[in-house]
Structures are given as structure tokens and as C-alpha cells.
Amino acid sequence: MPRRDDNTIRVVIGEDHPLLARGLQEVIDEADGMQVVAIGADRESVMAAVSRERPDVVVCDLRMPPTGDDEGLHVLTHIESNRLRTGFILFTQFIETAVATQVLAHGERGRGYMLKESMAQPDEIQAAIRAVAAGQTVVDPAVVAQLMSDAGASDPLQDLSRRQREVLVLIAEGLSNEGIADRLSLTPGAVEKRVTALFRALPIESSPATNRRVAAALLYLASRDESAVA
């Protein structure tokens, strides 16, 4: 698969099912401005392709050889540990909010969590790749619906104050506390207080396994998408 020097979004696929990998390649290659540059069927081959090709986006299954467990997360760790400016979409059959949190928790580039059933809607896959290549966060609508259900409310943001919503939007944009302080012309201490108050106001589990910033951002994205549908 040849390398291009233009503005084409270059994609590496990680998928061990040949028919699905081929179908995903067709969806991507048919889109304007996108090209699949490599396909890997196991963890090592995907990581090698990422290191070799330095793609704009990796679309990767969660479970692949050799263990069939969490290879997709290992690929993401490889991207981050090597400080590659590569977007990452976990392309999986299952809705696992804890895994979604891990995927969306870190990275300077875009991150996404999409279900394989979206193969029935090629436009959604293409739009997700474009968004992640541009540094945005993409969450499959089915995952959004699950998050809304887990929150136990039609709108988990309905009781937030204006200041809390302001901070939440900036967290969802990926800003750190320092970045929020710069944007709002506040001291770091003032931002810390607002963030703490925000987390207390949201239906987020407080546990070592929960990244509260990511959980808050996901709730914001879920609420925003639900409002758009309404």
C-alpha cells in the first residue's frame, strides 16, 4: 500500500477477521481523502505497522491474537509510549464503558470508541475517522445511550450551575486545569475548586478505576448528543 505525500488521512487497520478487515478497508478507501496504508491481524503486526507507517489514525479491534483479550489497548499504549501523533479508534463488538474510559483518557490526538455494527453505516465510520484525525473525540451512539442509562437520569447535567457547565465544556475539549485557568483567566486554585465541585455534582463513581475527567467528558458528550436527537 503506497505512501502518499498529500493531505490524505492515512489509516492502519487492526482486525483479525479477514472479511471484516477487507470490508473496513473498502469503506475507508472509498472515502475522499482517506487511504488504508496497512492491515494487521494481531497485536505485534499492528504495532509494527504503526511504527513503520506513522499513520494519522489507527482503527483497531479490542480482541485479537495472541490472547484475544485486550490487544487494542496494548496498541494504544504503544502509540502513547512512543509519543506518536496518531489518532486511535477502538473498533469493537462490545459496549464496555470502563474500556471506553481507558481509550479516551489520554493522548494529544483524537480518540474514538465505535461499535462494529456501525459497518452498516459507512458514512459514520468515515466521519469518525475524519473527526479523530482532526483531534476530536468520537463515541458510538450506542455507547452514549449506555452512558445515559448508567447515569440514571434523562439529563445528568440539568442541575449544574453556569460555572460548572463552563468548566465541563473545557474538560470535554481536553484542557488540563492549567489550560482552563488560562482560558477563564482564573488561578489554578480556583479552577481546582470548580473542578472538584463539578465532579461532586455529577453521577460519577469515585474509585481508583474511574478517571473522573474522562467520565465527566463522556457525560457531556452523551448529554449533547441526546439533546441533538431531541
C-alpha atoms as a PDB file:
ATOM      1  CA  MET A   1       0.000   0.000   0.000  1.00  0.00           C
ATOM      2  CA  PRO A   2       1.830   3.133  -1.185  1.00  0.00           C
ATOM      3  CA  ARG A   3       2.637   6.151   0.922  1.00  0.00           C
ATOM      4  CA  ARG A   4       1.142   9.450  -0.161  1.00  0.00           C
ATOM      5  CA  ASP A   5       2.654  12.865   0.420  1.00  0.00           C
ATOM      6  CA  ASP A   6      -0.568  14.886   0.167  1.00  0.00           C
ATOM      7  CA  ASN A   7      -3.175  15.560   2.840  1.00  0.00           C
ATOM      8  CA  THR A   8      -4.722  12.112   2.656  1.00  0.00           C
ATOM      9  CA  ILE A   9      -5.715  10.669   6.039  1.00  0.00           C
ATOM     10  CA  ARG A  10      -3.546   7.579   6.340  1.00  0.00           C
ATOM     11  CA  VAL A  11      -5.119   4.704   8.279  1.00  0.00           C
ATOM     12  CA  VAL A  12      -3.818   1.467   9.789  1.00  0.00           C
ATOM     13  CA  ILE A  13      -6.399  -1.250  10.489  1.00  0.00           C
ATOM     14  CA  GLY A  14      -6.044  -3.794  13.285  1.00  0.00           C
ATOM     15  CA  GLU A  15      -8.529  -6.630  12.705  1.00  0.00           C
ATOM     16  CA  ASP A  16      -8.061 -10.400  12.713  1.00  0.00           C
ATOM     17  CA  HIS A  17     -11.244 -11.313  10.802  1.00  0.00           C
ATOM     18  CA  PRO A  18     -10.318 -11.123   7.090  1.00  0.00           C
ATOM     19  CA  LEU A  19     -13.811 -10.321   5.798  1.00  0.00           C
ATOM     20  CA  LEU A  20     -14.319  -7.517   8.297  1.00  0.00           C
ATOM     21  CA  ALA A  21     -10.842  -6.147   7.666  1.00  0.00           C
ATOM     22  CA  ARG A  22     -11.487  -6.147   3.918  1.00  0.00           C
ATOM     23  CA  GLY A  23     -14.887  -4.510   4.362  1.00  0.00           C
ATOM     24  CA  LEU A  24     -13.419  -1.827   6.593  1.00  0.00           C
ATOM     25  CA  GLN A  25     -10.653  -1.203   4.077  1.00  0.00           C
ATOM     26  CA  GLU A  26     -13.219  -0.733   1.310  1.00  0.00           C
ATOM     27  CA  VAL A  27     -15.221   1.731   3.398  1.00  0.00           C
ATOM     28  CA  ILE A  28     -12.105   3.782   4.109  1.00  0.00           C
ATOM     29  CA  ASP A  29     -10.538   3.640   0.652  1.00  0.00           C
ATOM     30  CA  GLU A  30     -13.822   4.652  -0.986  1.00  0.00           C
ATOM     31  CA  ALA A  31     -13.915   7.892   1.022  1.00  0.00           C
ATOM     32  CA  ASP A  32     -12.370  11.027  -0.428  1.00  0.00           C
ATOM     33  CA  GLY A  33      -9.069  11.875   1.210  1.00  0.00           C
ATOM     34  CA  MET A  34      -8.534   8.567   3.050  1.00  0.00           C
ATOM     35  CA  GLN A  35      -6.308   5.578   2.431  1.00  0.00           C
ATOM     36  CA  VAL A  36      -5.561   2.349   4.283  1.00  0.00           C
ATOM     37  CA  VAL A  37      -1.776   2.007   4.378  1.00  0.00           C
ATOM     38  CA  ALA A  38      -1.513  -1.257   6.351  1.00  0.00           C
ATOM     39  CA  ILE A  39      -3.614  -4.007   7.925  1.00  0.00           C
ATOM     40  CA  GLY A  40      -2.503  -6.110  10.885  1.00  0.00           C
ATOM     41  CA  ALA A  41      -4.227  -9.237  12.171  1.00  0.00           C
ATOM     42  CA  ASP A  42      -2.523  -9.425  15.570  1.00  0.00           C
ATOM     43  CA  ARG A  43      -1.027  -7.140  18.174  1.00  0.00           C
ATOM     44  CA  GLU A  44       2.577  -7.305  17.015  1.00  0.00           C
ATOM     45  CA  SER A  45       1.833  -6.750  13.335  1.00  0.00           C
ATOM     46  CA  VAL A  46      -0.381  -3.762  14.120  1.00  0.00           C
ATOM     47  CA  MET A  47       2.246  -2.166  16.373  1.00  0.00           C
ATOM     48  CA  ALA A  48       4.906  -2.777  13.714  1.00  0.00           C
ATOM     49  CA  ALA A  49       2.694  -1.141  11.077  1.00  0.00           C
ATOM     50  CA  VAL A  50       2.075   1.859  13.340  1.00  0.00           C
ATOM     51  CA  SER A  51       5.808   2.309  13.948  1.00  0.00           C
ATOM     52  CA  ARG A  52       6.605   1.931  10.258  1.00  0.00           C
ATOM     53  CA  GLU A  53       3.804   3.966   8.697  1.00  0.00           C
ATOM     54  CA  ARG A  54       3.184   6.630  11.377  1.00  0.00           C
ATOM     55  CA  PRO A  55      -0.480   6.837  10.288  1.00  0.00           C
ATOM     56  CA  ASP A  56      -2.909   9.627  11.075  1.00  0.00           C
ATOM     57  CA  VAL A  57      -5.435   7.196  12.558  1.00  0.00           C
ATOM     58  CA  VAL A  58      -5.441   3.592  13.754  1.00  0.00           C
ATOM     59  CA  VAL A  59      -8.753   1.699  13.690  1.00  0.00           C
ATOM     60  CA  CYS A  60      -8.220  -1.332  15.892  1.00  0.00           C
ATOM     61  CA  ASP A  61     -10.210  -4.208  17.333  1.00  0.00           C
ATOM     62  CA  LEU A  62     -10.064  -4.759  21.091  1.00  0.00           C
ATOM     63  CA  ARG A  63      -9.589  -8.522  20.984  1.00  0.00           C
ATOM     64  CA  MET A  64      -7.044 -10.003  18.598  1.00  0.00           C
ATOM     65  CA  PRO A  65      -4.293 -12.641  18.726  1.00  0.00           C
ATOM     66  CA  PRO A  66      -2.255 -13.614  20.567  1.00  0.00           C
ATOM     67  CA  THR A  67      -4.530 -13.592  23.653  1.00  0.00           C
ATOM     68  CA  GLY A  68      -7.890 -12.403  22.320  1.00  0.00           C
ATOM     69  CA  ASP A  69      -8.236 -10.163  25.343  1.00  0.00           C
ATOM     70  CA  ASP A  70      -7.160  -6.511  25.231  1.00  0.00           C
ATOM     71  CA  GLU A  71      -4.710  -6.238  22.346  1.00  0.00           C
ATOM     72  CA  GLY A  72      -6.307  -2.995  21.188  1.00  0.00           C
ATOM     73  CA  LEU A  73      -5.379  -1.324  24.450  1.00  0.00           C
ATOM     74  CA  HIS A  74      -1.783  -2.545  24.026  1.00  0.00           C
ATOM     75  CA  VAL A  75      -1.701  -0.888  20.596  1.00  0.00           C
ATOM     76  CA  LEU A  76      -2.958   2.338  22.165  1.00  0.00           C
ATOM     77  CA  THR A  77      -0.274   2.112  24.855  1.00  0.00           C
ATOM     78  CA  HIS A  78       2.318   1.643  22.098  1.00  0.00           C
ATOM     79  CA  ILE A  79       1.115   4.815  20.381  1.00  0.00           C
ATOM     80  CA  GLU A  80       1.227   6.832  23.575  1.00  0.00           C
ATOM     81  CA  SER A  81       4.510   5.482  24.944  1.00  0.00           C
ATOM     82  CA  ASN A  82       6.203   6.361  21.647  1.00  0.00           C
ATOM     83  CA  ARG A  83       4.564   9.817  21.662  1.00  0.00           C
ATOM     84  CA  LEU A  84       3.143   9.307  18.195  1.00  0.00           C
ATOM     85  CA  ARG A  85       0.731  11.950  16.937  1.00  0.00           C
ATOM     86  CA  THR A  86      -1.696   9.279  15.817  1.00  0.00           C
ATOM     87  CA  GLY A  87      -5.431   9.193  16.414  1.00  0.00           C
ATOM     88  CA  PHE A  88      -6.937   5.964  17.692  1.00  0.00           C
ATOM     89  CA  ILE A  89     -10.379   4.400  17.295  1.00  0.00           C
ATOM     90  CA  LEU A  90     -11.213   1.233  19.182  1.00  0.00           C
ATOM     91  CA  PHE A  91     -13.479  -0.736  16.852  1.00  0.00           C
ATOM     92  CA  THR A  92     -15.190  -3.397  18.910  1.00  0.00           C
ATOM     93  CA  GLN A  93     -18.237  -5.611  19.137  1.00  0.00           C
ATOM     94  CA  PHE A  94     -18.942  -4.802  22.772  1.00  0.00           C
ATOM     95  CA  ILE A  95     -20.099  -1.855  24.871  1.00  0.00           C
ATOM     96  CA  GLU A  96     -17.654  -1.639  27.771  1.00  0.00           C
ATOM     97  CA  THR A  97     -17.746   1.770  29.419  1.00  0.00           C
ATOM     98  CA  ALA A  98     -14.640   1.037  31.507  1.00  0.00           C
ATOM     99  CA  VAL A  99     -12.678   0.291  28.328  1.00  0.00           C
ATOM    100  CA  ALA A 100     -14.112   3.396  26.662  1.00  0.00           C
ATOM    101  CA  THR A 101     -12.821   5.435  29.586  1.00  0.00           C
ATOM    102  CA  GLN A 102      -9.336   3.975  29.144  1.00  0.00           C
ATOM    103  CA  VAL A 103      -9.319   4.724  25.437  1.00  0.00           C
ATOM    104  CA  LEU A 104     -10.472   8.312  25.835  1.00  0.00           C
ATOM    105  CA  ALA A 105      -8.415   9.139  28.919  1.00  0.00           C
ATOM    106  CA  HIS A 106      -5.097  10.162  27.368  1.00  0.00           C
ATOM    107  CA  GLY A 107      -3.350  11.376  24.286  1.00  0.00           C
ATOM    108  CA  GLU A 108      -2.633  14.521  22.337  1.00  0.00           C
ATOM    109  CA  ARG A 109      -4.522  13.237  19.312  1.00  0.00           C
ATOM    110  CA  GLY A 110      -8.153  12.274  18.766  1.00  0.00           C
ATOM    111  CA  ARG A 111      -9.664   9.196  20.327  1.00  0.00           C
ATOM    112  CA  GLY A 112     -12.773   7.189  19.479  1.00  0.00           C
ATOM    113  CA  TYR A 113     -14.841   4.199  20.555  1.00  0.00           C
ATOM    114  CA  MET A 114     -17.007   2.696  17.800  1.00  0.00           C
ATOM    115  CA  LEU A 115     -19.033  -0.498  17.570  1.00  0.00           C
ATOM    116  CA  LYS A 116     -18.611  -2.908  14.676  1.00  0.00           C
ATOM    117  CA  GLU A 117     -22.320  -2.716  13.920  1.00  0.00           C
ATOM    118  CA  SER A 118     -21.576   0.755  12.509  1.00  0.00           C
ATOM    119  CA  MET A 119     -20.195  -1.095   9.452  1.00  0.00           C
ATOM    120  CA  ALA A 120     -23.795  -0.909   8.257  1.00  0.00           C
ATOM    121  CA  GLN A 121     -23.380   2.877   8.111  1.00  0.00           C
ATOM    122  CA  PRO A 122     -20.140   3.584   6.206  1.00  0.00           C
ATOM    123  CA  ASP A 123     -20.680   7.341   6.490  1.00  0.00           C
ATOM    124  CA  GLU A 124     -20.453   7.063  10.297  1.00  0.00           C
ATOM    125  CA  ILE A 125     -17.106   5.282  10.112  1.00  0.00           C
ATOM    126  CA  GLN A 126     -15.726   7.790   7.630  1.00  0.00           C
ATOM    127  CA  ALA A 127     -16.969  10.728   9.723  1.00  0.00           C
ATOM    128  CA  ALA A 128     -15.441   9.215  12.867  1.00  0.00           C
ATOM    129  CA  ILE A 129     -12.049   8.829  11.172  1.00  0.00           C
ATOM    130  CA  ARG A 130     -12.121  12.417   9.937  1.00  0.00           C
ATOM    131  CA  ALA A 131     -13.040  13.693  13.396  1.00  0.00           C
ATOM    132  CA  VAL A 132     -10.358  11.683  15.178  1.00  0.00           C
ATOM    133  CA  ALA A 133      -7.751  12.723  12.603  1.00  0.00           C
ATOM    134  CA  ALA A 134      -8.686  16.320  13.473  1.00  0.00           C
ATOM    135  CA  GLY A 135      -8.072  15.653  17.164  1.00  0.00           C
ATOM    136  CA  GLN A 136     -11.685  15.244  18.231  1.00  0.00           C
ATOM    137  CA  THR A 137     -13.362  12.651  20.438  1.00  0.00           C
ATOM    138  CA  VAL A 138     -15.913  10.263  18.917  1.00  0.00           C
ATOM    139  CA  VAL A 139     -18.207   7.947  20.875  1.00  0.00           C
ATOM    140  CA  ASP A 140     -20.594   5.491  19.235  1.00  0.00           C
ATOM    141  CA  PRO A 141     -24.255   6.485  19.787  1.00  0.00           C
ATOM    142  CA  ALA A 142     -24.953   3.105  21.411  1.00  0.00           C
ATOM    143  CA  VAL A 143     -22.222   3.780  23.974  1.00  0.00           C
ATOM    144  CA  VAL A 144     -23.697   7.234  24.551  1.00  0.00           C
ATOM    145  CA  ALA A 145     -27.080   5.618  25.254  1.00  0.00           C
ATOM    146  CA  GLN A 146     -25.445   3.232  27.733  1.00  0.00           C
ATOM    147  CA  LEU A 147     -23.747   6.130  29.496  1.00  0.00           C
ATOM    148  CA  MET A 148     -27.060   7.916  29.806  1.00  0.00           C
ATOM    149  CA  SER A 149     -28.584   4.769  31.277  1.00  0.00           C
ATOM    150  CA  ASP A 150     -25.698   4.345  33.717  1.00  0.00           C
ATOM    151  CA  ALA A 151     -26.113   7.955  34.818  1.00  0.00           C
ATOM    152  CA  GLY A 152     -29.673   7.160  35.852  1.00  0.00           C
ATOM    153  CA  ALA A 153     -31.127  10.446  34.623  1.00  0.00           C
ATOM    154  CA  SER A 154     -32.533  11.867  31.399  1.00  0.00           C
ATOM    155  CA  ASP A 155     -30.053  14.729  31.704  1.00  0.00           C
ATOM    156  CA  PRO A 156     -27.268  14.303  34.276  1.00  0.00           C
ATOM    157  CA  LEU A 157     -26.198  17.908  33.644  1.00  0.00           C
ATOM    158  CA  GLN A 158     -29.543  19.535  34.346  1.00  0.00           C
ATOM    159  CA  ASP A 159     -28.632  20.687  37.870  1.00  0.00           C
ATOM    160  CA  LEU A 160     -25.209  22.115  37.034  1.00  0.00           C
ATOM    161  CA  SER A 161     -24.566  25.786  37.554  1.00  0.00           C
ATOM    162  CA  ARG A 162     -23.410  28.017  34.694  1.00  0.00           C
ATOM    163  CA  ARG A 163     -19.844  27.964  36.030  1.00  0.00           C
ATOM    164  CA  GLN A 164     -19.857  24.183  36.356  1.00  0.00           C
ATOM    165  CA  ARG A 165     -21.104  23.780  32.774  1.00  0.00           C
ATOM    166  CA  GLU A 166     -18.405  26.184  31.596  1.00  0.00           C
ATOM    167  CA  VAL A 167     -15.703  24.063  33.223  1.00  0.00           C
ATOM    168  CA  LEU A 168     -17.261  20.830  31.946  1.00  0.00           C
ATOM    169  CA  VAL A 169     -17.204  22.022  28.323  1.00  0.00           C
ATOM    170  CA  LEU A 170     -13.496  22.850  28.635  1.00  0.00           C
ATOM    171  CA  ILE A 171     -12.754  19.462  30.205  1.00  0.00           C
ATOM    172  CA  ALA A 172     -14.574  17.820  27.288  1.00  0.00           C
ATOM    173  CA  GLU A 173     -12.322  19.816  24.937  1.00  0.00           C
ATOM    174  CA  GLY A 174      -9.358  18.119  26.600  1.00  0.00           C
ATOM    175  CA  LEU A 175      -7.995  21.080  28.559  1.00  0.00           C
ATOM    176  CA  SER A 176      -5.995  20.495  31.732  1.00  0.00           C
ATOM    177  CA  ASN A 177      -6.623  22.545  34.864  1.00  0.00           C
ATOM    178  CA  GLU A 178      -3.822  24.847  33.756  1.00  0.00           C
ATOM    179  CA  GLY A 179      -5.425  25.236  30.345  1.00  0.00           C
ATOM    180  CA  ILE A 180      -8.789  26.000  31.922  1.00  0.00           C
ATOM    181  CA  ALA A 181      -7.156  28.584  34.181  1.00  0.00           C
ATOM    182  CA  ASP A 182      -5.637  30.302  31.138  1.00  0.00           C
ATOM    183  CA  ARG A 183      -8.895  30.198  29.178  1.00  0.00           C
ATOM    184  CA  LEU A 184     -11.012  31.599  32.031  1.00  0.00           C
ATOM    185  CA  SER A 185      -8.351  33.908  33.499  1.00  0.00           C
ATOM    186  CA  LEU A 186      -8.539  32.146  36.865  1.00  0.00           C
ATOM    187  CA  THR A 187      -5.928  30.958  39.328  1.00  0.00           C
ATOM    188  CA  PRO A 188      -5.104  27.233  39.360  1.00  0.00           C
ATOM    189  CA  GLY A 189      -6.546  27.035  42.869  1.00  0.00           C
ATOM    190  CA  ALA A 190      -9.860  28.499  41.739  1.00  0.00           C
ATOM    191  CA  VAL A 191     -10.053  26.033  38.860  1.00  0.00           C
ATOM    192  CA  GLU A 192      -9.298  23.121  41.186  1.00  0.00           C
ATOM    193  CA  LYS A 193     -12.202  24.124  43.415  1.00  0.00           C
ATOM    194  CA  ARG A 194     -14.567  24.389  40.449  1.00  0.00           C
ATOM    195  CA  VAL A 195     -13.488  21.024  39.057  1.00  0.00           C
ATOM    196  CA  THR A 196     -13.925  19.345  42.444  1.00  0.00           C
ATOM    197  CA  ALA A 197     -17.398  20.859  42.798  1.00  0.00           C
ATOM    198  CA  LEU A 198     -18.260  19.695  39.277  1.00  0.00           C
ATOM    199  CA  PHE A 199     -17.257  16.105  39.981  1.00  0.00           C
ATOM    200  CA  ARG A 200     -19.353  16.088  43.151  1.00  0.00           C
ATOM    201  CA  ALA A 201     -22.376  17.331  41.199  1.00  0.00           C
ATOM    202  CA  LEU A 202     -22.135  14.647  38.500  1.00  0.00           C
ATOM    203  CA  PRO A 203     -23.252  10.987  38.815  1.00  0.00           C
ATOM    204  CA  ILE A 204     -19.664   9.727  38.614  1.00  0.00           C
ATOM    205  CA  GLU A 205     -18.377   6.837  40.683  1.00  0.00           C
ATOM    206  CA  SER A 206     -15.449   7.845  42.891  1.00  0.00           C
ATOM    207  CA  SER A 207     -12.991   4.961  42.685  1.00  0.00           C
ATOM    208  CA  PRO A 208      -9.378   4.341  41.639  1.00  0.00           C
ATOM    209  CA  ALA A 209     -10.667   2.650  38.460  1.00  0.00           C
ATOM    210  CA  THR A 210     -12.556   5.746  37.336  1.00  0.00           C
ATOM    211  CA  ASN A 211     -10.898   8.618  35.509  1.00  0.00           C
ATOM    212  CA  ARG A 212     -13.312  11.327  36.574  1.00  0.00           C
ATOM    213  CA  ARG A 213     -12.235  13.826  33.902  1.00  0.00           C
ATOM    214  CA  VAL A 214     -12.958  11.323  31.144  1.00  0.00           C
ATOM    215  CA  ALA A 215     -16.208  10.202  32.774  1.00  0.00           C
ATOM    216  CA  ALA A 216     -17.316  13.842  33.008  1.00  0.00           C
ATOM    217  CA  ALA A 217     -16.405  14.463  29.363  1.00  0.00           C
ATOM    218  CA  LEU A 218     -18.331  11.372  28.291  1.00  0.00           C
ATOM    219  CA  LEU A 219     -21.404  12.509  30.197  1.00  0.00           C
ATOM    220  CA  TYR A 220     -21.158  15.873  28.460  1.00  0.00           C
ATOM    221  CA  LEU A 221     -20.877  14.227  25.039  1.00  0.00           C
ATOM    222  CA  ALA A 222     -23.783  11.911  25.879  1.00  0.00           C
ATOM    223  CA  SER A 223     -25.987  14.794  27.007  1.00  0.00           C
ATOM    224  CA  ARG A 224     -25.054  16.880  23.967  1.00  0.00           C
ATOM    225  CA  ASP A 225     -25.837  14.065  21.545  1.00  0.00           C
ATOM    226  CA  GLU A 226     -29.106  13.274  23.315  1.00  0.00           C
ATOM    227  CA  SER A 227     -30.148  16.913  23.022  1.00  0.00           C
ATOM    228  CA  ALA A 228     -29.280  16.943  19.333  1.00  0.00           C
ATOM    229  CA  VAL A 229     -31.510  13.926  18.756  1.00  0.00           C
ATOM    230  CA  ALA A 230     -34.351  15.514  20.698  1.00  0.00           C
END
